[in-house]
Amino acid sequence: MLLKGIYSQLTTGNSAAAVQALLNSPAAESVFINVALKQSAPSYLVLNRVSAPPAGQTLDGASQLIDGEIQFDSYANDQPTAQRLSRTVRDYFMQTFSGGELPDGTTIQFVEVTLDQDMPYEEGGTGYLYRALLRLQALYTEGSFT
């Protein structure tokens, strides 16, 4: 699955070391799919699939290629750190990660930034949390569903 593959890409290996350096350690406990754990320690990322319609139709039906948007919510104790984490994720997927296969077998190519903005702070368990929101458009085919 797409989000599982992105999670693995961000939390394992050295290719995403710049992103991992900005996350609360360990990275595997600082990247979440759809929702963060209650009382999670900043800095962390939450991954969401915003839309994912088939990229095209043929006479045989919908193609396996999906044109989707992936949202990365970067949370931190202050706005500059949230912005830095968001920018690092953006640069990693748009410049460093040249596309190809994620650890789950999903093939993906990020094509453009569709949204990159600061969000209002939110009350957290021990104070305020700051969030930067990033959406990237991607073309991909799903890997395994296990």
N, C-alpha and C. Protein backbone atom coordinates (compact mmCIF):
# COMPACT_ATOMS: atom_id res chain seq x y z
N MET A 1 0.83 -1.18 0.00
CA MET A 1 0.00 0.00 0.00
C MET A 1 0.87 1.24 0.00
N LEU A 2 0.38 2.28 -0.60
CA LEU A 2 1.16 3.50 -0.80
C LEU A 2 1.69 4.09 0.50
N LEU A 3 0.83 4.36 1.46
CA LEU A 3 1.27 5.02 2.69
C LEU A 3 2.23 4.15 3.49
N LYS A 4 2.01 2.84 3.46
CA LYS A 4 2.92 1.91 4.13
C LYS A 4 4.31 1.97 3.49
N GLY A 5 4.34 2.07 2.15
CA GLY A 5 5.61 2.18 1.44
C GLY A 5 6.33 3.48 1.73
N ILE A 6 5.58 4.60 1.79
CA ILE A 6 6.19 5.90 2.11
C ILE A 6 6.71 5.88 3.55
N TYR A 7 5.93 5.29 4.45
CA TYR A 7 6.36 5.14 5.85
C TYR A 7 7.70 4.41 5.91
N SER A 8 7.79 3.28 5.22
CA SER A 8 9.04 2.51 5.22
C SER A 8 10.18 3.30 4.60
N GLN A 9 9.90 4.02 3.53
CA GLN A 9 10.94 4.82 2.86
C GLN A 9 11.50 5.88 3.81
N LEU A 10 10.62 6.49 4.60
CA LEU A 10 11.06 7.56 5.50
C LEU A 10 11.73 7.06 6.78
N THR A 11 11.43 5.85 7.19
CA THR A 11 11.90 5.40 8.51
C THR A 11 13.03 4.39 8.48
N THR A 12 13.32 3.81 7.33
CA THR A 12 14.38 2.79 7.27
C THR A 12 15.47 3.22 6.31
N GLY A 13 16.64 2.76 6.55
CA GLY A 13 17.75 3.04 5.65
C GLY A 13 18.28 4.45 5.79
N ASN A 14 19.30 4.75 5.01
CA ASN A 14 19.97 6.04 5.08
C ASN A 14 19.50 7.03 4.04
N SER A 15 18.66 6.61 3.09
CA SER A 15 18.29 7.52 2.00
C SER A 15 17.51 8.73 2.48
N ALA A 16 16.76 8.59 3.58
CA ALA A 16 15.96 9.70 4.11
C ALA A 16 16.56 10.23 5.41
N ALA A 17 17.88 10.18 5.52
CA ALA A 17 18.56 10.59 6.76
C ALA A 17 18.26 12.04 7.14
N ALA A 18 18.12 12.93 6.17
CA ALA A 18 17.84 14.34 6.47
C ALA A 18 16.47 14.49 7.14
N VAL A 19 15.49 13.72 6.68
CA VAL A 19 14.17 13.74 7.30
C VAL A 19 14.24 13.11 8.69
N GLN A 20 14.89 11.96 8.79
CA GLN A 20 14.99 11.25 10.07
C GLN A 20 15.67 12.10 11.14
N ALA A 21 16.63 12.92 10.74
CA ALA A 21 17.35 13.76 11.70
C ALA A 21 16.45 14.80 12.36
N LEU A 22 15.36 15.18 11.70
CA LEU A 22 14.45 16.19 12.25
C LEU A 22 13.31 15.59 13.05
N LEU A 23 13.15 14.27 13.00
CA LEU A 23 12.08 13.60 13.73
C LEU A 23 12.51 13.27 15.14
N ASN A 24 11.52 13.13 16.02
CA ASN A 24 11.79 12.62 17.35
C ASN A 24 12.30 11.19 17.18
N SER A 25 13.29 10.79 17.94
CA SER A 25 13.86 9.44 17.78
C SER A 25 13.02 8.42 18.50
N PRO A 26 12.94 7.20 18.04
CA PRO A 26 13.36 6.74 16.71
C PRO A 26 12.36 7.15 15.65
N ALA A 27 12.81 7.22 14.42
CA ALA A 27 11.96 7.68 13.32
C ALA A 27 10.74 6.79 13.13
N ALA A 28 10.88 5.49 13.36
CA ALA A 28 9.75 4.56 13.18
C ALA A 28 8.60 4.87 14.13
N GLU A 29 8.87 5.59 15.22
CA GLU A 29 7.83 5.97 16.17
C GLU A 29 7.43 7.43 16.01
N SER A 30 7.89 8.08 14.94
CA SER A 30 7.61 9.49 14.70
C SER A 30 6.97 9.75 13.35
N VAL A 31 6.63 8.70 12.63
CA VAL A 31 5.89 8.81 11.38
C VAL A 31 4.63 7.97 11.54
N PHE A 32 3.48 8.59 11.25
CA PHE A 32 2.20 7.93 11.47
C PHE A 32 1.38 7.95 10.19
N ILE A 33 0.54 6.96 10.05
CA ILE A 33 -0.38 6.90 8.92
C ILE A 33 -1.77 7.30 9.42
N ASN A 34 -2.32 8.34 8.84
CA ASN A 34 -3.66 8.89 9.10
C ASN A 34 -3.80 9.66 10.41
N VAL A 35 -3.28 9.19 11.51
CA VAL A 35 -3.44 9.89 12.78
C VAL A 35 -2.26 9.55 13.70
N ALA A 36 -1.80 10.55 14.44
CA ALA A 36 -0.70 10.32 15.39
C ALA A 36 -1.25 9.70 16.66
N LEU A 37 -0.38 9.02 17.36
CA LEU A 37 -0.76 8.49 18.66
C LEU A 37 -0.97 9.63 19.64
N LYS A 38 -1.87 9.44 20.57
CA LYS A 38 -2.13 10.45 21.58
C LYS A 38 -0.85 10.67 22.39
N GLN A 39 -0.56 11.92 22.67
CA GLN A 39 0.61 12.33 23.45
C GLN A 39 1.94 12.03 22.73
N SER A 40 1.93 11.98 21.41
CA SER A 40 3.17 11.78 20.66
C SER A 40 4.10 12.97 20.87
N ALA A 41 5.37 12.66 21.02
CA ALA A 41 6.36 13.72 21.24
C ALA A 41 6.77 14.33 19.90
N PRO A 42 6.70 15.66 19.77
CA PRO A 42 7.16 16.31 18.53
C PRO A 42 8.66 16.15 18.38
N SER A 43 9.17 16.14 17.27
CA SER A 43 8.66 16.40 15.94
C SER A 43 8.23 15.09 15.29
N TYR A 44 7.10 15.14 14.57
CA TYR A 44 6.62 13.94 13.90
C TYR A 44 5.83 14.30 12.65
N LEU A 45 5.61 13.26 11.83
CA LEU A 45 4.89 13.40 10.56
C LEU A 45 3.64 12.54 10.59
N VAL A 46 2.58 13.03 9.96
CA VAL A 46 1.37 12.23 9.75
C VAL A 46 1.13 12.19 8.24
N LEU A 47 0.99 10.99 7.69
CA LEU A 47 0.79 10.77 6.26
C LEU A 47 -0.68 10.49 5.97
N ASN A 48 -1.21 11.10 4.93
CA ASN A 48 -2.59 10.85 4.49
C ASN A 48 -2.64 10.80 2.97
N ARG A 49 -3.48 9.93 2.46
CA ARG A 49 -3.76 9.92 1.02
C ARG A 49 -5.02 10.76 0.84
N VAL A 50 -4.91 11.88 0.13
CA VAL A 50 -6.02 12.83 0.00
C VAL A 50 -6.95 12.41 -1.13
N SER A 51 -6.41 12.07 -2.28
CA SER A 51 -7.23 11.61 -3.40
C SER A 51 -6.40 10.64 -4.22
N ALA A 52 -7.08 9.72 -4.87
CA ALA A 52 -6.35 8.73 -5.65
C ALA A 52 -7.22 8.11 -6.75
N PRO A 53 -7.69 8.92 -7.69
CA PRO A 53 -8.45 8.34 -8.80
C PRO A 53 -7.51 7.71 -9.83
N PRO A 54 -8.03 6.78 -10.62
CA PRO A 54 -7.19 6.22 -11.69
C PRO A 54 -6.71 7.35 -12.60
N ALA A 55 -5.50 7.20 -13.12
CA ALA A 55 -4.92 8.24 -13.96
C ALA A 55 -5.52 8.26 -15.36
N GLY A 56 -6.13 7.18 -15.76
CA GLY A 56 -6.70 7.16 -17.10
C GLY A 56 -7.62 5.99 -17.33
N GLN A 57 -8.43 6.12 -18.33
CA GLN A 57 -9.35 5.06 -18.73
C GLN A 57 -8.98 4.59 -20.12
N THR A 58 -9.16 3.31 -20.35
CA THR A 58 -8.99 2.76 -21.69
C THR A 58 -10.25 1.97 -22.01
N LEU A 59 -10.31 1.41 -23.17
CA LEU A 59 -11.45 0.57 -23.51
C LEU A 59 -11.50 -0.67 -22.62
N ASP A 60 -10.36 -1.02 -22.03
CA ASP A 60 -10.31 -2.16 -21.12
C ASP A 60 -10.68 -1.78 -19.70
N GLY A 61 -10.93 -0.50 -19.42
CA GLY A 61 -11.28 -0.06 -18.07
C GLY A 61 -10.21 0.85 -17.51
N ALA A 62 -10.27 1.04 -16.20
CA ALA A 62 -9.31 1.92 -15.52
C ALA A 62 -7.91 1.32 -15.56
N SER A 63 -6.92 2.19 -15.72
CA SER A 63 -5.54 1.71 -15.73
C SER A 63 -5.07 1.47 -14.30
N GLN A 64 -3.96 0.80 -14.15
CA GLN A 64 -3.36 0.56 -12.83
C GLN A 64 -2.65 1.80 -12.30
N LEU A 65 -2.40 2.76 -13.18
CA LEU A 65 -1.72 3.99 -12.79
C LEU A 65 -2.69 4.89 -12.03
N ILE A 66 -2.26 5.39 -10.88
CA ILE A 66 -3.10 6.23 -10.04
C ILE A 66 -2.49 7.62 -9.96
N ASP A 67 -3.33 8.62 -10.10
CA ASP A 67 -2.93 10.02 -10.00
C ASP A 67 -3.46 10.51 -8.66
N GLY A 68 -2.60 10.60 -7.66
CA GLY A 68 -3.07 10.91 -6.32
C GLY A 68 -2.32 12.04 -5.66
N GLU A 69 -2.88 12.47 -4.55
CA GLU A 69 -2.24 13.47 -3.70
C GLU A 69 -1.95 12.85 -2.35
N ILE A 70 -0.75 13.09 -1.86
CA ILE A 70 -0.36 12.61 -0.54
C ILE A 70 -0.09 13.82 0.32
N GLN A 71 -0.66 13.82 1.51
CA GLN A 71 -0.50 14.94 2.44
C GLN A 71 0.46 14.55 3.56
N PHE A 72 1.38 15.44 3.85
CA PHE A 72 2.36 15.28 4.93
C PHE A 72 2.12 16.40 5.93
N ASP A 73 1.68 16.07 7.12
CA ASP A 73 1.50 17.06 8.19
C ASP A 73 2.71 16.97 9.09
N SER A 74 3.46 18.06 9.18
CA SER A 74 4.67 18.11 10.01
C SER A 74 4.36 18.84 11.30
N TYR A 75 4.52 18.18 12.42
CA TYR A 75 4.24 18.75 13.73
C TYR A 75 5.54 18.96 14.50
N ALA A 76 5.62 20.08 15.20
CA ALA A 76 6.82 20.40 16.00
C ALA A 76 6.44 21.34 17.14
N ASN A 77 7.40 21.59 18.02
CA ASN A 77 7.18 22.48 19.17
C ASN A 77 7.14 23.95 18.77
N ASP A 78 7.67 24.28 17.58
CA ASP A 78 7.65 25.67 17.12
C ASP A 78 7.48 25.68 15.60
N GLN A 79 7.02 26.81 15.08
CA GLN A 79 6.72 26.90 13.65
C GLN A 79 7.96 26.74 12.77
N PRO A 80 9.10 27.35 13.11
CA PRO A 80 10.28 27.15 12.24
C PRO A 80 10.69 25.68 12.11
N THR A 81 10.57 24.90 13.18
CA THR A 81 10.94 23.49 13.11
C THR A 81 9.93 22.72 12.25
N ALA A 82 8.64 23.03 12.40
CA ALA A 82 7.62 22.39 11.56
C ALA A 82 7.86 22.72 10.09
N GLN A 83 8.20 23.97 9.80
CA GLN A 83 8.49 24.38 8.43
C GLN A 83 9.72 23.66 7.88
N ARG A 84 10.76 23.55 8.70
CA ARG A 84 12.00 22.89 8.27
C ARG A 84 11.74 21.41 7.96
N LEU A 85 10.95 20.74 8.82
CA LEU A 85 10.62 19.34 8.58
C LEU A 85 9.81 19.19 7.28
N SER A 86 8.83 20.05 7.08
CA SER A 86 8.02 20.01 5.87
C SER A 86 8.86 20.26 4.62
N ARG A 87 9.74 21.25 4.68
CA ARG A 87 10.61 21.56 3.55
C ARG A 87 11.56 20.41 3.25
N THR A 88 12.06 19.75 4.30
CA THR A 88 12.98 18.62 4.11
C THR A 88 12.26 17.44 3.46
N VAL A 89 11.02 17.19 3.87
CA VAL A 89 10.22 16.13 3.24
C VAL A 89 9.98 16.48 1.77
N ARG A 90 9.61 17.74 1.51
CA ARG A 90 9.37 18.19 0.13
C ARG A 90 10.62 18.00 -0.73
N ASP A 91 11.76 18.46 -0.23
CA ASP A 91 12.99 18.35 -0.99
C ASP A 91 13.39 16.89 -1.20
N TYR A 92 13.17 16.07 -0.19
CA TYR A 92 13.52 14.65 -0.31
C TYR A 92 12.73 14.00 -1.45
N PHE A 93 11.42 14.18 -1.45
CA PHE A 93 10.61 13.51 -2.47
C PHE A 93 10.64 14.19 -3.83
N MET A 94 10.84 15.47 -3.88
CA MET A 94 10.84 16.16 -5.18
C MET A 94 12.23 16.22 -5.81
N GLN A 95 13.30 16.12 -5.01
CA GLN A 95 14.65 16.27 -5.55
C GLN A 95 15.52 15.03 -5.32
N THR A 96 15.59 14.56 -4.09
CA THR A 96 16.49 13.46 -3.76
C THR A 96 15.95 12.11 -4.21
N PHE A 97 14.71 11.81 -3.84
CA PHE A 97 14.08 10.56 -4.25
C PHE A 97 13.59 10.75 -5.67
N SER A 98 14.27 10.12 -6.61
CA SER A 98 13.97 10.38 -8.02
C SER A 98 12.82 9.54 -8.54
N GLY A 99 12.11 8.89 -7.64
CA GLY A 99 11.03 8.01 -8.07
C GLY A 99 11.53 6.60 -8.15
N GLY A 100 10.65 5.73 -8.41
CA GLY A 100 11.02 4.33 -8.47
C GLY A 100 10.20 3.53 -7.50
N GLU A 101 10.81 2.54 -6.93
CA GLU A 101 10.07 1.59 -6.11
C GLU A 101 10.26 1.86 -4.62
N LEU A 102 9.14 1.90 -3.91
CA LEU A 102 9.16 1.99 -2.45
C LEU A 102 9.38 0.60 -1.88
N PRO A 103 9.73 0.47 -0.60
CA PRO A 103 10.00 -0.84 -0.02
C PRO A 103 8.86 -1.87 -0.15
N ASP A 104 7.62 -1.42 -0.29
CA ASP A 104 6.50 -2.37 -0.42
C ASP A 104 6.20 -2.76 -1.86
N GLY A 105 7.00 -2.27 -2.81
CA GLY A 105 6.80 -2.60 -4.21
C GLY A 105 5.99 -1.58 -4.98
N THR A 106 5.47 -0.55 -4.30
CA THR A 106 4.76 0.52 -4.99
C THR A 106 5.76 1.32 -5.83
N THR A 107 5.42 1.58 -7.09
CA THR A 107 6.25 2.45 -7.90
C THR A 107 5.62 3.83 -7.86
N ILE A 108 6.45 4.84 -7.67
CA ILE A 108 5.91 6.19 -7.47
C ILE A 108 6.82 7.24 -8.08
N GLN A 109 6.20 8.28 -8.60
CA GLN A 109 6.92 9.44 -9.10
C GLN A 109 6.15 10.67 -8.64
N PHE A 110 6.77 11.48 -7.80
CA PHE A 110 6.14 12.73 -7.38
C PHE A 110 6.32 13.74 -8.50
N VAL A 111 5.24 14.47 -8.79
CA VAL A 111 5.29 15.35 -9.95
C VAL A 111 5.18 16.83 -9.63
N GLU A 112 4.48 17.20 -8.55
CA GLU A 112 4.41 18.61 -8.20
C GLU A 112 3.92 18.82 -6.78
N VAL A 113 4.22 20.01 -6.27
CA VAL A 113 3.71 20.44 -4.97
C VAL A 113 2.37 21.11 -5.22
N THR A 114 1.31 20.63 -4.58
CA THR A 114 0.00 21.24 -4.78
C THR A 114 -0.41 22.13 -3.61
N LEU A 115 0.24 21.97 -2.46
CA LEU A 115 -0.05 22.82 -1.31
C LEU A 115 1.14 22.78 -0.36
N ASP A 116 1.55 23.94 0.10
CA ASP A 116 2.67 24.04 1.04
C ASP A 116 2.40 25.27 1.90
N GLN A 117 1.90 25.06 3.11
CA GLN A 117 1.51 26.20 3.93
C GLN A 117 1.63 25.91 5.42
N ASP A 118 1.69 26.99 6.18
CA ASP A 118 1.66 26.89 7.64
C ASP A 118 0.22 26.79 8.08
N MET A 119 0.00 26.06 9.14
CA MET A 119 -1.33 25.92 9.70
C MET A 119 -1.33 26.56 11.09
N PRO A 120 -2.51 26.92 11.61
CA PRO A 120 -2.57 27.49 12.96
C PRO A 120 -2.07 26.47 13.99
N TYR A 121 -1.57 26.98 15.10
CA TYR A 121 -1.12 26.07 16.14
C TYR A 121 -2.33 25.35 16.74
N GLU A 122 -2.06 24.21 17.37
CA GLU A 122 -3.10 23.43 18.02
C GLU A 122 -2.68 23.16 19.45
N GLU A 123 -3.64 23.00 20.31
CA GLU A 123 -3.31 22.64 21.68
C GLU A 123 -2.90 21.18 21.72
N GLY A 124 -1.73 20.94 22.28
CA GLY A 124 -1.25 19.59 22.46
C GLY A 124 -1.40 19.17 23.91
N GLY A 125 -0.94 17.99 24.23
CA GLY A 125 -1.06 17.48 25.58
C GLY A 125 -0.28 18.27 26.61
N THR A 126 0.84 18.85 26.21
CA THR A 126 1.68 19.58 27.17
C THR A 126 2.00 20.99 26.70
N GLY A 127 1.19 21.53 25.84
CA GLY A 127 1.44 22.88 25.33
C GLY A 127 0.85 23.02 23.94
N TYR A 128 1.54 23.75 23.08
CA TYR A 128 1.06 23.97 21.74
C TYR A 128 1.88 23.18 20.73
N LEU A 129 1.22 22.75 19.68
CA LEU A 129 1.87 22.08 18.56
C LEU A 129 1.73 22.95 17.33
N TYR A 130 2.79 23.04 16.57
CA TYR A 130 2.77 23.81 15.34
C TYR A 130 2.80 22.84 14.18
N ARG A 131 2.10 23.20 13.09
CA ARG A 131 1.96 22.28 11.97
C ARG A 131 2.23 23.00 10.66
N ALA A 132 2.95 22.32 9.79
CA ALA A 132 3.12 22.75 8.41
C ALA A 132 2.51 21.66 7.54
N LEU A 133 1.75 22.06 6.55
CA LEU A 133 1.02 21.12 5.71
C LEU A 133 1.62 21.11 4.31
N LEU A 134 1.89 19.93 3.79
CA LEU A 134 2.47 19.75 2.47
C LEU A 134 1.67 18.70 1.72
N ARG A 135 1.27 19.02 0.49
CA ARG A 135 0.62 18.04 -0.37
C ARG A 135 1.43 17.90 -1.64
N LEU A 136 1.71 16.65 -2.00
CA LEU A 136 2.45 16.36 -3.22
C LEU A 136 1.60 15.50 -4.13
N GLN A 137 1.57 15.87 -5.39
CA GLN A 137 0.88 15.05 -6.37
C GLN A 137 1.84 13.99 -6.87
N ALA A 138 1.31 12.79 -7.05
CA ALA A 138 2.15 11.68 -7.47
C ALA A 138 1.41 10.80 -8.46
N LEU A 139 2.17 10.16 -9.30
CA LEU A 139 1.67 9.09 -10.16
C LEU A 139 2.29 7.80 -9.63
N TYR A 140 1.44 6.81 -9.39
CA TYR A 140 1.97 5.58 -8.79
C TYR A 140 1.12 4.37 -9.16
N THR A 141 1.70 3.21 -8.96
CA THR A 141 0.98 1.95 -9.01
C THR A 141 1.20 1.27 -7.69
N GLU A 142 0.15 0.69 -7.14
CA GLU A 142 0.21 0.08 -5.81
C GLU A 142 1.09 -1.16 -5.81
N GLY A 143 1.77 -1.36 -4.68
CA GLY A 143 2.54 -2.56 -4.46
C GLY A 143 1.68 -3.61 -3.80
N SER A 144 2.26 -4.40 -2.93
CA SER A 144 1.51 -5.46 -2.26
C SER A 144 0.60 -4.88 -1.18
N PHE A 145 -0.43 -5.63 -0.84
CA PHE A 145 -1.37 -5.21 0.18
C PHE A 145 -1.16 -5.96 1.48
N THR A 146 0.02 -6.53 1.68
CA THR A 146 0.27 -7.28 2.92
C THR A 146 0.97 -6.44 3.93
